[in-house]
């Protein structure tokens, strides 16, 4: 995992921990707190899904580049 992936992971984990801590310590009704927790969890899942899609796209691009390089190498060898 490169540095940007580590930073993104740390940011997401920190944001989730902060949100959960803040909600659990807030003097609100249980129903309201559960709604906030549910929204925070949904937001976190959306962020993770976006990060997953970005990572998958990067991996696909790297794989495509590797295939192209291998094909170039094979052409050189077979020529």
Protein backbone atom coordinates (compact mmCIF):
# COMPACT_ATOMS: atom_id res chain seq x y z
CA UNK A 1 0.00 0.00 0.00
CA UNK A 2 1.46 3.38 -0.95
CA UNK A 3 1.49 6.42 1.32
CA UNK A 4 -1.76 7.85 -0.03
CA UNK A 5 -3.53 4.58 0.80
CA UNK A 6 -2.13 4.63 4.32
CA UNK A 7 -3.15 8.24 4.79
CA UNK A 8 -6.66 7.54 3.49
CA UNK A 9 -7.00 4.53 5.79
CA UNK A 10 -5.81 6.51 8.81
CA UNK A 11 -8.15 9.36 7.94
CA UNK A 12 -11.17 7.06 7.61
CA UNK A 13 -10.39 5.20 10.82
CA UNK A 14 -9.81 8.45 12.72
CA UNK A 15 -13.01 10.00 11.39
CA UNK A 16 -15.04 6.93 12.30
CA UNK A 17 -13.53 6.72 15.80
CA UNK A 18 -14.11 10.43 16.39
CA UNK A 19 -17.68 10.29 15.16
CA UNK A 20 -18.54 7.26 17.26
CA UNK A 21 -16.89 8.70 20.38
CA UNK A 22 -18.67 12.02 19.92
CA UNK A 23 -22.02 10.35 19.44
CA UNK A 24 -21.65 8.03 22.40
CA UNK A 25 -20.66 10.87 24.73
CA UNK A 26 -23.33 13.29 23.50
CA UNK A 27 -26.31 13.83 25.81
CA UNK A 28 -29.02 12.89 23.31
CA UNK A 29 -31.79 10.35 23.25
CA UNK A 30 -30.96 6.80 22.26
CA UNK A 31 -33.12 7.03 19.15
CA UNK A 32 -31.37 10.15 17.91
CA UNK A 33 -27.95 8.68 18.71
CA UNK A 34 -28.78 5.48 16.80
CA UNK A 35 -29.85 7.53 13.77
CA UNK A 36 -26.59 9.47 13.88
CA UNK A 37 -24.58 6.26 14.24
CA UNK A 38 -26.47 4.76 11.32
CA UNK A 39 -25.76 7.83 9.17
CA UNK A 40 -22.09 7.82 10.18
CA UNK A 41 -21.80 4.13 9.33
CA UNK A 42 -23.46 4.72 5.95
CA UNK A 43 -21.12 7.64 5.22
CA UNK A 44 -18.12 5.53 6.20
CA UNK A 45 -19.29 2.68 3.96
CA UNK A 46 -19.73 5.11 1.08
CA UNK A 47 -16.19 6.44 1.63
CA UNK A 48 -14.79 2.92 1.80
CA UNK A 49 -16.66 1.94 -1.36
CA UNK A 50 -15.21 4.95 -3.18
CA UNK A 51 -11.71 4.11 -1.95
CA UNK A 52 -12.20 0.47 -3.01
CA UNK A 53 -13.33 1.51 -6.50
CA UNK A 54 -10.36 3.89 -6.85
CA UNK A 55 -7.95 1.16 -5.74
CA UNK A 56 -9.53 -1.39 -8.07
CA UNK A 57 -9.18 1.02 -10.99
CA UNK A 58 -5.50 1.62 -10.16
CA UNK A 59 -4.88 -2.12 -9.94
CA UNK A 60 -6.61 -2.66 -13.29
CA UNK A 61 -4.48 0.06 -14.87
CA UNK A 62 -1.30 -1.50 -13.45
CA UNK A 63 -2.32 -4.93 -14.70
CA UNK A 64 -3.07 -3.54 -18.16
CA UNK A 65 0.33 -1.83 -18.21
CA UNK A 66 2.04 -5.06 -17.15
CA UNK A 67 0.30 -6.99 -19.93
CA UNK A 68 1.39 -4.38 -22.48
CA UNK A 69 5.00 -4.57 -21.29
CA UNK A 70 4.97 -8.36 -21.43
CA UNK A 71 3.57 -8.27 -24.97
CA UNK A 72 6.30 -5.81 -26.02
CA UNK A 73 8.94 -8.05 -24.46
CA UNK A 74 7.53 -11.14 -26.21
CA UNK A 75 7.59 -9.32 -29.57
CA UNK A 76 11.27 -8.45 -29.04
CA UNK A 77 12.13 -12.01 -28.14
CA UNK A 78 10.21 -13.52 -31.05
CA UNK A 79 11.57 -11.07 -33.64
